[in-house]
Amino acid sequence: MPVPCSKCGEWVELNSTRQGPLSRELICANCCREEESVSFLIDEAKDIHYDLKNYAEHMKGDRRGWKKNLKELTEKISVLGYSFDDFI
């Protein structure tokens, strides 16, 4: 039975939909892959954010570099249509 994807609206077979890791809605395979990549970026950004906030030992001497990495990750996330601030 065809159903619309909750994200893009494309009609797909019900048994080919998946639950999105971020939206928790039934979405098509393409949207699910996109959400999985965004989820990976968000997890990576959360780890860096947590370590920066707690002055992790491995970041000593290069905090600016880690902040730059975090900024780049949040920009990638925003380009994909999500906000990192919604997930921290």
PDB file of N, CA and C in Angstrom:
ATOM      1  N   MET A   1       0.846  -1.167   0.000  1.00  0.00           N
ATOM      2  CA  MET A   1       0.000   0.000   0.000  1.00  0.00           C
ATOM      3  C   MET A   1       0.900   1.241   0.000  1.00  0.00           C
ATOM      4  N   PRO A   2       0.744   2.124  -0.979  1.00  0.00           N
ATOM      5  CA  PRO A   2       1.568   3.334  -1.032  1.00  0.00           C
ATOM      6  C   PRO A   2       1.147   4.362   0.026  1.00  0.00           C
ATOM      7  N   VAL A   3       2.151   4.970   0.630  1.00  0.00           N
ATOM      8  CA  VAL A   3       1.935   6.019   1.621  1.00  0.00           C
ATOM      9  C   VAL A   3       2.923   7.154   1.350  1.00  0.00           C
ATOM     10  N   PRO A   4       2.599   8.391   1.742  1.00  0.00           N
ATOM     11  CA  PRO A   4       3.550   9.490   1.538  1.00  0.00           C
ATOM     12  C   PRO A   4       4.620   9.499   2.634  1.00  0.00           C
ATOM     13  N   CYS A   5       5.810   9.856   2.249  1.00  0.00           N
ATOM     14  CA  CYS A   5       6.900  10.048   3.213  1.00  0.00           C
ATOM     15  C   CYS A   5       6.544  11.265   4.069  1.00  0.00           C
ATOM     16  N   SER A   6       6.725  11.157   5.360  1.00  0.00           N
ATOM     17  CA  SER A   6       6.389  12.258   6.266  1.00  0.00           C
ATOM     18  C   SER A   6       7.287  13.474   6.076  1.00  0.00           C
ATOM     19  N   LYS A   7       8.448  13.258   5.474  1.00  0.00           N
ATOM     20  CA  LYS A   7       9.403  14.350   5.332  1.00  0.00           C
ATOM     21  C   LYS A   7       9.340  15.007   3.952  1.00  0.00           C
ATOM     22  N   CYS A   8       9.472  14.209   2.895  1.00  0.00           N
ATOM     23  CA  CYS A   8       9.542  14.785   1.548  1.00  0.00           C
ATOM     24  C   CYS A   8       8.235  14.683   0.773  1.00  0.00           C
ATOM     25  N   GLY A   9       7.314  13.860   1.237  1.00  0.00           N
ATOM     26  CA  GLY A   9       6.023  13.738   0.581  1.00  0.00           C
ATOM     27  C   GLY A   9       5.992  12.751  -0.570  1.00  0.00           C
ATOM     28  N   GLU A  10       7.125  12.138  -0.893  1.00  0.00           N
ATOM     29  CA  GLU A  10       7.182  11.159  -1.981  1.00  0.00           C
ATOM     30  C   GLU A  10       6.374   9.919  -1.598  1.00  0.00           C
ATOM     31  N   TRP A  11       5.648   9.392  -2.558  1.00  0.00           N
ATOM     32  CA  TRP A  11       4.840   8.200  -2.305  1.00  0.00           C
ATOM     33  C   TRP A  11       5.713   6.956  -2.436  1.00  0.00           C
ATOM     34  N   VAL A  12       5.722   6.133  -1.389  1.00  0.00           N
ATOM     35  CA  VAL A  12       6.508   4.892  -1.362  1.00  0.00           C
ATOM     36  C   VAL A  12       5.653   3.796  -0.752  1.00  0.00           C
ATOM     37  N   GLU A  13       6.081   2.569  -0.973  1.00  0.00           N
ATOM     38  CA  GLU A  13       5.375   1.435  -0.374  1.00  0.00           C
ATOM     39  C   GLU A  13       5.564   1.464   1.145  1.00  0.00           C
ATOM     40  N   LEU A  14       4.523   1.102   1.873  1.00  0.00           N
ATOM     41  CA  LEU A  14       4.558   1.143   3.331  1.00  0.00           C
ATOM     42  C   LEU A  14       5.685   0.284   3.901  1.00  0.00           C
ATOM     43  N   ASN A  15       5.907  -0.885   3.308  1.00  0.00           N
ATOM     44  CA  ASN A  15       6.943  -1.769   3.840  1.00  0.00           C
ATOM     45  C   ASN A  15       8.364  -1.302   3.506  1.00  0.00           C
ATOM     46  N   SER A  16       8.508  -0.244   2.706  1.00  0.00           N
ATOM     47  CA  SER A  16       9.839   0.289   2.426  1.00  0.00           C
ATOM     48  C   SER A  16      10.119   1.566   3.233  1.00  0.00           C
ATOM     49  N   THR A  17       9.197   1.955   4.105  1.00  0.00           N
ATOM     50  CA  THR A  17       9.445   3.111   4.963  1.00  0.00           C
ATOM     51  C   THR A  17      10.224   2.667   6.201  1.00  0.00           C
ATOM     52  N   ARG A  18      10.878   3.631   6.824  1.00  0.00           N
ATOM     53  CA  ARG A  18      11.664   3.365   8.033  1.00  0.00           C
ATOM     54  C   ARG A  18      11.373   4.471   9.035  1.00  0.00           C
ATOM     55  N   GLN A  19      11.646   4.175  10.285  1.00  0.00           N
ATOM     56  CA  GLN A  19      11.500   5.201  11.307  1.00  0.00           C
ATOM     57  C   GLN A  19      12.782   6.025  11.350  1.00  0.00           C
ATOM     58  N   GLY A  20      12.653   7.317  11.194  1.00  0.00           N
ATOM     59  CA  GLY A  20      13.809   8.202  11.196  1.00  0.00           C
ATOM     60  C   GLY A  20      14.434   8.298  12.580  1.00  0.00           C
ATOM     61  N   PRO A  21      15.769   8.336  12.655  1.00  0.00           N
ATOM     62  CA  PRO A  21      16.432   8.405  13.957  1.00  0.00           C
ATOM     63  C   PRO A  21      16.212   9.732  14.681  1.00  0.00           C
ATOM     64  N   LEU A  22      15.911  10.788  13.965  1.00  0.00           N
ATOM     65  CA  LEU A  22      15.693  12.093  14.596  1.00  0.00           C
ATOM     66  C   LEU A  22      14.222  12.433  14.710  1.00  0.00           C
ATOM     67  N   SER A  23      13.472  12.218  13.633  1.00  0.00           N
ATOM     68  CA  SER A  23      12.069  12.627  13.619  1.00  0.00           C
ATOM     69  C   SER A  23      11.146  11.577  14.233  1.00  0.00           C
ATOM     70  N   ARG A  24      11.587  10.334  14.275  1.00  0.00           N
ATOM     71  CA  ARG A  24      10.777   9.221  14.788  1.00  0.00           C
ATOM     72  C   ARG A  24       9.478   9.041  14.009  1.00  0.00           C
ATOM     73  N   GLU A  25       9.476   9.483  12.749  1.00  0.00           N
ATOM     74  CA  GLU A  25       8.322   9.306  11.869  1.00  0.00           C
ATOM     75  C   GLU A  25       8.688   8.317  10.780  1.00  0.00           C
ATOM     76  N   LEU A  26       7.683   7.779  10.110  1.00  0.00           N
ATOM     77  CA  LEU A  26       7.931   6.880   8.995  1.00  0.00           C
ATOM     78  C   LEU A  26       8.323   7.704   7.776  1.00  0.00           C
ATOM     79  N   ILE A  27       9.519   7.458   7.275  1.00  0.00           N
ATOM     80  CA  ILE A  27      10.047   8.220   6.144  1.00  0.00           C
ATOM     81  C   ILE A  27      10.631   7.262   5.113  1.00  0.00           C
ATOM     82  N   CYS A  28      10.863   7.781   3.909  1.00  0.00           N
ATOM     83  CA  CYS A  28      11.416   6.955   2.829  1.00  0.00           C
ATOM     84  C   CYS A  28      12.898   6.679   3.088  1.00  0.00           C
ATOM     85  N   ALA A  29      13.471   5.778   2.319  1.00  0.00           N
ATOM     86  CA  ALA A  29      14.862   5.373   2.508  1.00  0.00           C
ATOM     87  C   ALA A  29      15.835   6.528   2.306  1.00  0.00           C
ATOM     88  N   ASN A  30      15.569   7.393   1.323  1.00  0.00           N
ATOM     89  CA  ASN A  30      16.459   8.539   1.075  1.00  0.00           C
ATOM     90  C   ASN A  30      16.474   9.498   2.261  1.00  0.00           C
ATOM     91  N   CYS A  31      15.310   9.817   2.778  1.00  0.00           N
ATOM     92  CA  CYS A  31      15.230  10.721   3.928  1.00  0.00           C
ATOM     93  C   CYS A  31      15.851  10.075   5.164  1.00  0.00           C
ATOM     94  N   CYS A  32      15.700   8.764   5.290  1.00  0.00           N
ATOM     95  CA  CYS A  32      16.277   8.058   6.426  1.00  0.00           C
ATOM     96  C   CYS A  32      17.806   8.115   6.381  1.00  0.00           C
ATOM     97  N   ARG A  33      18.386   7.934   5.196  1.00  0.00           N
ATOM     98  CA  ARG A  33      19.851   8.033   5.063  1.00  0.00           C
ATOM     99  C   ARG A  33      20.329   9.433   5.431  1.00  0.00           C
ATOM    100  N   GLU A  34      19.580  10.437   5.003  1.00  0.00           N
ATOM    101  CA  GLU A  34      19.940  11.825   5.339  1.00  0.00           C
ATOM    102  C   GLU A  34      19.882  12.042   6.847  1.00  0.00           C
ATOM    103  N   GLU A  35      18.810  11.565   7.481  1.00  0.00           N
ATOM    104  CA  GLU A  35      18.682  11.725   8.926  1.00  0.00           C
ATOM    105  C   GLU A  35      19.771  10.966   9.674  1.00  0.00           C
ATOM    106  N   GLU A  36      20.167   9.792   9.170  1.00  0.00           N
ATOM    107  CA  GLU A  36      21.241   9.039   9.812  1.00  0.00           C
ATOM    108  C   GLU A  36      22.561   9.795   9.739  1.00  0.00           C
ATOM    109  N   SER A  37      22.848  10.427   8.596  1.00  0.00           N
ATOM    110  CA  SER A  37      24.091  11.190   8.485  1.00  0.00           C
ATOM    111  C   SER A  37      24.051  12.419   9.391  1.00  0.00           C
ATOM    112  N   VAL A  38      22.905  13.080   9.490  1.00  0.00           N
ATOM    113  CA  VAL A  38      22.769  14.225  10.394  1.00  0.00           C
ATOM    114  C   VAL A  38      22.891  13.766  11.844  1.00  0.00           C
ATOM    115  N   SER A  39      22.316  12.613  12.163  1.00  0.00           N
ATOM    116  CA  SER A  39      22.404  12.070  13.511  1.00  0.00           C
ATOM    117  C   SER A  39      23.862  11.804  13.891  1.00  0.00           C
ATOM    118  N   PHE A  40      24.643  11.269  12.950  1.00  0.00           N
ATOM    119  CA  PHE A  40      26.060  11.024  13.199  1.00  0.00           C
ATOM    120  C   PHE A  40      26.793  12.338  13.460  1.00  0.00           C
ATOM    121  N   LEU A  41      26.517  13.366  12.649  1.00  0.00           N
ATOM    122  CA  LEU A  41      27.150  14.671  12.839  1.00  0.00           C
ATOM    123  C   LEU A  41      26.758  15.283  14.184  1.00  0.00           C
ATOM    124  N   ILE A  42      25.503  15.138  14.566  1.00  0.00           N
ATOM    125  CA  ILE A  42      25.037  15.679  15.837  1.00  0.00           C
ATOM    126  C   ILE A  42      25.717  14.978  17.003  1.00  0.00           C
ATOM    127  N   ASP A  43      25.840  13.656  16.929  1.00  0.00           N
ATOM    128  CA  ASP A  43      26.523  12.922  17.999  1.00  0.00           C
ATOM    129  C   ASP A  43      27.974  13.358  18.128  1.00  0.00           C
ATOM    130  N   GLU A  44      28.641  13.539  17.011  1.00  0.00           N
ATOM    131  CA  GLU A  44      30.027  13.985  17.026  1.00  0.00           C
ATOM    132  C   GLU A  44      30.136  15.389  17.619  1.00  0.00           C
ATOM    133  N   ALA A  45      29.226  16.283  17.225  1.00  0.00           N
ATOM    134  CA  ALA A  45      29.234  17.648  17.742  1.00  0.00           C
ATOM    135  C   ALA A  45      28.920  17.672  19.238  1.00  0.00           C
ATOM    136  N   LYS A  46      27.997  16.818  19.686  1.00  0.00           N
ATOM    137  CA  LYS A  46      27.680  16.735  21.113  1.00  0.00           C
ATOM    138  C   LYS A  46      28.906  16.316  21.920  1.00  0.00           C
ATOM    139  N   ASP A  47      29.658  15.341  21.409  1.00  0.00           N
ATOM    140  CA  ASP A  47      30.857  14.887  22.108  1.00  0.00           C
ATOM    141  C   ASP A  47      31.873  16.015  22.250  1.00  0.00           C
ATOM    142  N   ILE A  48      32.101  16.742  21.167  1.00  0.00           N
ATOM    143  CA  ILE A  48      33.061  17.848  21.201  1.00  0.00           C
ATOM    144  C   ILE A  48      32.556  18.945  22.139  1.00  0.00           C
ATOM    145  N   HIS A  49      31.276  19.265  22.051  1.00  0.00           N
ATOM    146  CA  HIS A  49      30.684  20.294  22.909  1.00  0.00           C
ATOM    147  C   HIS A  49      30.833  19.917  24.387  1.00  0.00           C
ATOM    148  N   TYR A  50      30.544  18.674  24.721  1.00  0.00           N
ATOM    149  CA  TYR A  50      30.652  18.200  26.105  1.00  0.00           C
ATOM    150  C   TYR A  50      32.102  18.282  26.593  1.00  0.00           C
ATOM    151  N   ASP A  51      33.033  17.835  25.769  1.00  0.00           N
ATOM    152  CA  ASP A  51      34.444  17.865  26.162  1.00  0.00           C
ATOM    153  C   ASP A  51      34.950  19.297  26.318  1.00  0.00           C
ATOM    154  N   LEU A  52      34.529  20.203  25.446  1.00  0.00           N
ATOM    155  CA  LEU A  52      34.925  21.608  25.579  1.00  0.00           C
ATOM    156  C   LEU A  52      34.364  22.211  26.861  1.00  0.00           C
ATOM    157  N   LYS A  53      33.122  21.899  27.125  1.00  0.00           N
ATOM    158  CA  LYS A  53      32.454  22.441  28.310  1.00  0.00           C
ATOM    159  C   LYS A  53      33.113  21.954  29.599  1.00  0.00           C
ATOM    160  N   ASN A  54      33.615  20.733  29.592  1.00  0.00           N
ATOM    161  CA  ASN A  54      34.197  20.134  30.787  1.00  0.00           C
ATOM    162  C   ASN A  54      35.723  20.131  30.779  1.00  0.00           C
ATOM    163  N   TYR A  55      36.314  20.920  29.890  1.00  0.00           N
ATOM    164  CA  TYR A  55      37.780  21.076  29.824  1.00  0.00           C
ATOM    165  C   TYR A  55      38.490  19.715  29.804  1.00  0.00           C
ATOM    166  N   ALA A  56      38.160  18.915  28.825  1.00  0.00           N
ATOM    167  CA  ALA A  56      38.750  17.582  28.688  1.00  0.00           C
ATOM    168  C   ALA A  56      40.263  17.681  28.512  1.00  0.00           C
ATOM    169  N   GLU A  57      40.944  16.731  29.090  1.00  0.00           N
ATOM    170  CA  GLU A  57      42.404  16.716  29.094  1.00  0.00           C
ATOM    171  C   GLU A  57      42.989  16.682  27.679  1.00  0.00           C
ATOM    172  N   HIS A  58      42.386  15.910  26.787  1.00  0.00           N
ATOM    173  CA  HIS A  58      42.941  15.765  25.439  1.00  0.00           C
ATOM    174  C   HIS A  58      42.797  17.027  24.585  1.00  0.00           C
ATOM    175  N   MET A  59      42.052  18.013  25.063  1.00  0.00           N
ATOM    176  CA  MET A  59      41.855  19.243  24.305  1.00  0.00           C
ATOM    177  C   MET A  59      42.773  20.376  24.745  1.00  0.00           C
ATOM    178  N   LYS A  60      43.536  20.147  25.784  1.00  0.00           N
ATOM    179  CA  LYS A  60      44.421  21.205  26.282  1.00  0.00           C
ATOM    180  C   LYS A  60      45.420  21.605  25.206  1.00  0.00           C
ATOM    181  N   GLY A  61      45.590  22.904  25.057  1.00  0.00           N
ATOM    182  CA  GLY A  61      46.540  23.427  24.085  1.00  0.00           C
ATOM    183  C   GLY A  61      45.970  23.619  22.692  1.00  0.00           C
ATOM    184  N   ASP A  62      44.794  23.062  22.423  1.00  0.00           N
ATOM    185  CA  ASP A  62      44.209  23.198  21.085  1.00  0.00           C
ATOM    186  C   ASP A  62      42.702  23.431  21.158  1.00  0.00           C
ATOM    187  N   ARG A  63      42.259  24.167  22.152  1.00  0.00           N
ATOM    188  CA  ARG A  63      40.822  24.416  22.299  1.00  0.00           C
ATOM    189  C   ARG A  63      40.267  25.200  21.109  1.00  0.00           C
ATOM    190  N   ARG A  64      41.057  26.103  20.554  1.00  0.00           N
ATOM    191  CA  ARG A  64      40.586  26.862  19.383  1.00  0.00           C
ATOM    192  C   ARG A  64      40.325  25.937  18.202  1.00  0.00           C
ATOM    193  N   GLY A  65      41.201  24.977  18.015  1.00  0.00           N
ATOM    194  CA  GLY A  65      41.011  24.017  16.926  1.00  0.00           C
ATOM    195  C   GLY A  65      39.746  23.200  17.111  1.00  0.00           C
ATOM    196  N   TRP A  66      39.479  22.784  18.346  1.00  0.00           N
ATOM    197  CA  TRP A  66      38.269  22.010  18.626  1.00  0.00           C
ATOM    198  C   TRP A  66      37.018  22.867  18.465  1.00  0.00           C
ATOM    199  N   LYS A  67      37.103  24.143  18.863  1.00  0.00           N
ATOM    200  CA  LYS A  67      35.961  25.042  18.675  1.00  0.00           C
ATOM    201  C   LYS A  67      35.691  25.251  17.189  1.00  0.00           C
ATOM    202  N   LYS A  68      36.753  25.320  16.400  1.00  0.00           N
ATOM    203  CA  LYS A  68      36.599  25.459  14.950  1.00  0.00           C
ATOM    204  C   LYS A  68      35.938  24.211  14.372  1.00  0.00           C
ATOM    205  N   ASN A  69      36.357  23.030  14.848  1.00  0.00           N
ATOM    206  CA  ASN A  69      35.735  21.776  14.396  1.00  0.00           C
ATOM    207  C   ASN A  69      34.247  21.758  14.742  1.00  0.00           C
ATOM    208  N   LEU A  70      33.921  22.209  15.951  1.00  0.00           N
ATOM    209  CA  LEU A  70      32.522  22.242  16.376  1.00  0.00           C
ATOM    210  C   LEU A  70      31.718  23.202  15.504  1.00  0.00           C
ATOM    211  N   LYS A  71      32.293  24.355  15.201  1.00  0.00           N
ATOM    212  CA  LYS A  71      31.606  25.330  14.355  1.00  0.00           C
ATOM    213  C   LYS A  71      31.356  24.757  12.962  1.00  0.00           C
ATOM    214  N   GLU A  72      32.348  24.059  12.395  1.00  0.00           N
ATOM    215  CA  GLU A  72      32.184  23.452  11.072  1.00  0.00           C
ATOM    216  C   GLU A  72      31.088  22.397  11.089  1.00  0.00           C
ATOM    217  N   LEU A  73      31.048  21.591  12.154  1.00  0.00           N
ATOM    218  CA  LEU A  73      30.011  20.565  12.257  1.00  0.00           C
ATOM    219  C   LEU A  73      28.625  21.188  12.364  1.00  0.00           C
ATOM    220  N   THR A  74      28.489  22.235  13.179  1.00  0.00           N
ATOM    221  CA  THR A  74      27.172  22.869  13.315  1.00  0.00           C
ATOM    222  C   THR A  74      26.741  23.534  12.011  1.00  0.00           C
ATOM    223  N   GLU A  75      27.695  24.032  11.235  1.00  0.00           N
ATOM    224  CA  GLU A  75      27.352  24.609   9.928  1.00  0.00           C
ATOM    225  C   GLU A  75      26.875  23.524   8.969  1.00  0.00           C
ATOM    226  N   LYS A  76      27.537  22.356   8.978  1.00  0.00           N
ATOM    227  CA  LYS A  76      27.097  21.240   8.126  1.00  0.00           C
ATOM    228  C   LYS A  76      25.685  20.810   8.507  1.00  0.00           C
ATOM    229  N   ILE A  77      25.432  20.766   9.814  1.00  0.00           N
ATOM    230  CA  ILE A  77      24.116  20.362  10.294  1.00  0.00           C
ATOM    231  C   ILE A  77      23.057  21.367   9.840  1.00  0.00           C
ATOM    232  N   SER A  78      23.372  22.651   9.931  1.00  0.00           N
ATOM    233  CA  SER A  78      22.391  23.671   9.536  1.00  0.00           C
ATOM    234  C   SER A  78      22.159  23.677   8.029  1.00  0.00           C
ATOM    235  N   VAL A  79      23.184  23.369   7.236  1.00  0.00           N
ATOM    236  CA  VAL A  79      23.018  23.275   5.782  1.00  0.00           C
ATOM    237  C   VAL A  79      22.047  22.151   5.425  1.00  0.00           C
ATOM    238  N   LEU A  80      22.059  21.089   6.216  1.00  0.00           N
ATOM    239  CA  LEU A  80      21.158  19.965   5.974  1.00  0.00           C
ATOM    240  C   LEU A  80      19.747  20.214   6.514  1.00  0.00           C
ATOM    241  N   GLY A  81      19.520  21.392   7.108  1.00  0.00           N
ATOM    242  CA  GLY A  81      18.181  21.764   7.518  1.00  0.00           C
ATOM    243  C   GLY A  81      17.842  21.484   8.971  1.00  0.00           C
ATOM    244  N   TYR A  82      18.828  21.261   9.810  1.00  0.00           N
ATOM    245  CA  TYR A  82      18.608  20.998  11.213  1.00  0.00           C
ATOM    246  C   TYR A  82      19.359  22.019  12.050  1.00  0.00           C
ATOM    247  N   SER A  83      19.023  22.135  13.309  1.00  0.00           N
ATOM    248  CA  SER A  83      19.715  23.041  14.210  1.00  0.00           C
ATOM    249  C   SER A  83      20.351  22.231  15.334  1.00  0.00           C
ATOM    250  N   PHE A  84      21.648  22.408  15.516  1.00  0.00           N
ATOM    251  CA  PHE A  84      22.365  21.685  16.572  1.00  0.00           C
ATOM    252  C   PHE A  84      21.818  22.069  17.948  1.00  0.00           C
ATOM    253  N   ASP A  85      21.414  23.320  18.102  1.00  0.00           N
ATOM    254  CA  ASP A  85      20.918  23.792  19.389  1.00  0.00           C
ATOM    255  C   ASP A  85      19.658  23.036  19.835  1.00  0.00           C
ATOM    256  N   ASP A  86      18.908  22.496  18.895  1.00  0.00           N
ATOM    257  CA  ASP A  86      17.706  21.727  19.242  1.00  0.00           C
ATOM    258  C   ASP A  86      18.040  20.385  19.882  1.00  0.00           C
ATOM    259  N   PHE A  87      19.282  19.920  19.730  1.00  0.00           N
ATOM    260  CA  PHE A  87      19.646  18.586  20.191  1.00  0.00           C
ATOM    261  C   PHE A  87      20.568  18.576  21.404  1.00  0.00           C
ATOM    262  N   ILE A  88      21.016  19.758  21.857  1.00  0.00           N
ATOM    263  CA  ILE A  88      21.877  19.768  23.052  1.00  0.00           C
ATOM    264  C   ILE A  88      21.081  20.093  24.284  1.00  0.00           C
TER     265      ILE A  88
END
